[in-house]
C-alpha cells in the first residue's frame, strides 16, 4: 500500500465491488459496475429481455439505475444492437 504521509489503518468502509473486464477493439478495459450492474449484465448475457434484466438489477440493489447501466454498456462498446420485438398487431398470421 502506498499511504504517502498518512498513517496505515484498516479500511473502515470496505465493501465488495463488481467490475467489468472487456476488450472491445483489442483494448483491455476494466470498469467498475454501478449498483446492480453485474446482475443486470449477467441477465442480458443470458439472452433475457431488457425489462427482465432491469427487474433483476433492482432486486439485486435498490439503487439500480437503468440509464446509468445502459450508458456504461454503450460507452464501453459492448452493445452491438438493441432488438425490439415486433408488436403482435404487426405480425403476420
C-alpha atoms as a PDB file:
ATOM      1  CA  UNK A   1       0.000   0.000   0.000  1.00  0.00           C
ATOM      2  CA  UNK A   2       1.247   3.445  -0.840  1.00  0.00           C
ATOM      3  CA  UNK A   3       0.000   5.595   2.034  1.00  0.00           C
ATOM      4  CA  UNK A   4       2.004   8.741   1.428  1.00  0.00           C
ATOM      5  CA  UNK A   5       2.029  10.773   4.625  1.00  0.00           C
ATOM      6  CA  UNK A   6      -0.990   9.087   6.190  1.00  0.00           C
ATOM      7  CA  UNK A   7      -0.703   6.528   8.936  1.00  0.00           C
ATOM      8  CA  UNK A   8      -1.683   2.981   7.938  1.00  0.00           C
ATOM      9  CA  UNK A   9      -5.063   1.910   9.274  1.00  0.00           C
ATOM     10  CA  UNK A  10      -7.767  -0.629   8.460  1.00  0.00           C
ATOM     11  CA  UNK A  11     -10.258   0.220   5.736  1.00  0.00           C
ATOM     12  CA  UNK A  12     -13.360   1.417   7.585  1.00  0.00           C
ATOM     13  CA  UNK A  13     -15.953   1.290   4.795  1.00  0.00           C
ATOM     14  CA  UNK A  14     -14.925  -1.874   2.970  1.00  0.00           C
ATOM     15  CA  UNK A  15     -17.445  -3.477   0.655  1.00  0.00           C
ATOM     16  CA  UNK A  16     -17.239  -5.668  -2.406  1.00  0.00           C
ATOM     17  CA  UNK A  17     -17.494  -4.205  -5.875  1.00  0.00           C
ATOM     18  CA  UNK A  18     -18.259  -5.654  -9.293  1.00  0.00           C
ATOM     19  CA  UNK A  19     -16.094  -4.910 -12.295  1.00  0.00           C
ATOM     20  CA  UNK A  20     -16.449  -5.497 -15.997  1.00  0.00           C
ATOM     21  CA  UNK A  21     -13.328  -6.562 -17.859  1.00  0.00           C
ATOM     22  CA  UNK A  22     -13.830  -6.218 -21.601  1.00  0.00           C
ATOM     23  CA  UNK A  23     -11.701  -5.995 -24.698  1.00  0.00           C
ATOM     24  CA  UNK A  24     -13.550  -4.024 -27.364  1.00  0.00           C
ATOM     25  CA  UNK A  25     -11.348  -3.048 -30.299  1.00  0.00           C
ATOM     26  CA  UNK A  26      -8.458  -5.057 -28.771  1.00  0.00           C
ATOM     27  CA  UNK A  27      -8.003  -2.600 -25.878  1.00  0.00           C
ATOM     28  CA  UNK A  28      -8.481  -4.124 -22.421  1.00  0.00           C
ATOM     29  CA  UNK A  29     -10.806  -2.058 -20.242  1.00  0.00           C
ATOM     30  CA  UNK A  30     -11.704  -2.523 -16.599  1.00  0.00           C
ATOM     31  CA  UNK A  31     -14.761  -0.618 -15.413  1.00  0.00           C
ATOM     32  CA  UNK A  32     -16.433  -0.530 -12.040  1.00  0.00           C
ATOM     33  CA  UNK A  33     -20.047  -1.566 -12.477  1.00  0.00           C
ATOM     34  CA  UNK A  34     -22.769   0.579 -10.907  1.00  0.00           C
ATOM     35  CA  UNK A  35     -25.105  -0.868  -8.254  1.00  0.00           C
ATOM     36  CA  UNK A  36     -26.965  -3.896  -9.615  1.00  0.00           C
ATOM     37  CA  UNK A  37     -24.829  -3.805 -12.763  1.00  0.00           C
ATOM     38  CA  UNK A  38     -23.432  -7.328 -12.518  1.00  0.00           C
ATOM     39  CA  UNK A  39     -26.864  -8.906 -12.092  1.00  0.00           C
ATOM     40  CA  UNK A  40     -28.227  -6.735 -14.922  1.00  0.00           C
ATOM     41  CA  UNK A  41     -25.379  -7.617 -17.291  1.00  0.00           C
ATOM     42  CA  UNK A  42     -25.474 -11.342 -16.496  1.00  0.00           C
ATOM     43  CA  UNK A  43     -29.206 -11.404 -17.202  1.00  0.00           C
ATOM     44  CA  UNK A  44     -28.714  -9.673 -20.564  1.00  0.00           C
ATOM     45  CA  UNK A  45     -25.837 -12.037 -21.389  1.00  0.00           C
ATOM     46  CA  UNK A  46     -28.207 -14.948 -20.768  1.00  0.00           C
ATOM     47  CA  UNK A  47     -30.407 -13.594 -23.562  1.00  0.00           C
ATOM     48  CA  UNK A  48     -33.196 -12.307 -21.340  1.00  0.00           C
ATOM     49  CA  UNK A  49     -35.191  -9.161 -22.262  1.00  0.00           C
ATOM     50  CA  UNK A  50     -34.136  -5.708 -21.115  1.00  0.00           C
ATOM     51  CA  UNK A  51     -37.156  -5.310 -18.822  1.00  0.00           C
ATOM     52  CA  UNK A  52     -36.392  -8.552 -17.040  1.00  0.00           C
ATOM     53  CA  UNK A  53     -32.722  -7.610 -16.695  1.00  0.00           C
ATOM     54  CA  UNK A  54     -33.748  -4.262 -15.169  1.00  0.00           C
ATOM     55  CA  UNK A  55     -36.001  -6.050 -12.662  1.00  0.00           C
ATOM     56  CA  UNK A  56     -33.107  -8.337 -11.705  1.00  0.00           C
ATOM     57  CA  UNK A  57     -30.855  -5.287 -11.279  1.00  0.00           C
ATOM     58  CA  UNK A  58     -33.365  -3.618  -8.941  1.00  0.00           C
ATOM     59  CA  UNK A  59     -33.836  -6.849  -6.990  1.00  0.00           C
ATOM     60  CA  UNK A  60     -30.058  -7.109  -6.598  1.00  0.00           C
ATOM     61  CA  UNK A  61     -29.627  -3.499  -5.460  1.00  0.00           C
ATOM     62  CA  UNK A  62     -32.394  -0.929  -4.807  1.00  0.00           C
ATOM     63  CA  UNK A  63     -30.023   1.802  -6.067  1.00  0.00           C
ATOM     64  CA  UNK A  64     -30.000   0.247  -9.558  1.00  0.00           C
ATOM     65  CA  UNK A  65     -30.209   2.933 -12.268  1.00  0.00           C
ATOM     66  CA  UNK A  66     -31.172   1.657 -15.722  1.00  0.00           C
ATOM     67  CA  UNK A  67     -29.956   4.771 -17.543  1.00  0.00           C
ATOM     68  CA  UNK A  68     -26.549   4.654 -15.855  1.00  0.00           C
ATOM     69  CA  UNK A  69     -26.139   0.940 -16.565  1.00  0.00           C
ATOM     70  CA  UNK A  70     -27.135   1.257 -20.229  1.00  0.00           C
ATOM     71  CA  UNK A  71     -24.852   4.263 -20.689  1.00  0.00           C
ATOM     72  CA  UNK A  72     -21.954   2.253 -19.271  1.00  0.00           C
ATOM     73  CA  UNK A  73     -22.560  -0.652 -21.650  1.00  0.00           C
ATOM     74  CA  UNK A  74     -22.922   1.631 -24.659  1.00  0.00           C
ATOM     75  CA  UNK A  75     -19.897   3.703 -23.624  1.00  0.00           C
ATOM     76  CA  UNK A  76     -17.746   0.599 -23.329  1.00  0.00           C
ATOM     77  CA  UNK A  77     -18.680  -0.504 -26.882  1.00  0.00           C
ATOM     78  CA  UNK A  78     -20.317  -3.684 -25.584  1.00  0.00           C
ATOM     79  CA  UNK A  79     -23.773  -3.071 -27.037  1.00  0.00           C
ATOM     80  CA  UNK A  80     -23.952  -4.308 -30.598  1.00  0.00           C
ATOM     81  CA  UNK A  81     -27.623  -3.681 -31.204  1.00  0.00           C
ATOM     82  CA  UNK A  82     -30.971  -3.388 -29.491  1.00  0.00           C
ATOM     83  CA  UNK A  83     -33.647  -5.720 -30.809  1.00  0.00           C
ATOM     84  CA  UNK A  84     -37.227  -4.595 -30.360  1.00  0.00           C
ATOM     85  CA  UNK A  85     -39.999  -7.175 -30.518  1.00  0.00           C
ATOM     86  CA  UNK A  86     -42.464  -6.844 -33.360  1.00  0.00           C
ATOM     87  CA  UNK A  87     -45.862  -5.788 -31.953  1.00  0.00           C
ATOM     88  CA  UNK A  88     -48.482  -8.520 -32.251  1.00  0.00           C
ATOM     89  CA  UNK A  89     -50.646  -6.179 -34.327  1.00  0.00           C
ATOM     90  CA  UNK A  90     -47.907  -6.124 -36.997  1.00  0.00           C
ATOM     91  CA  UNK A  91     -47.195  -9.842 -37.064  1.00  0.00           C
ATOM     92  CA  UNK A  92     -48.453 -11.950 -39.940  1.00  0.00           C
ATOM     93  CA  UNK A  93     -50.584 -14.993 -39.087  1.00  0.00           C
END
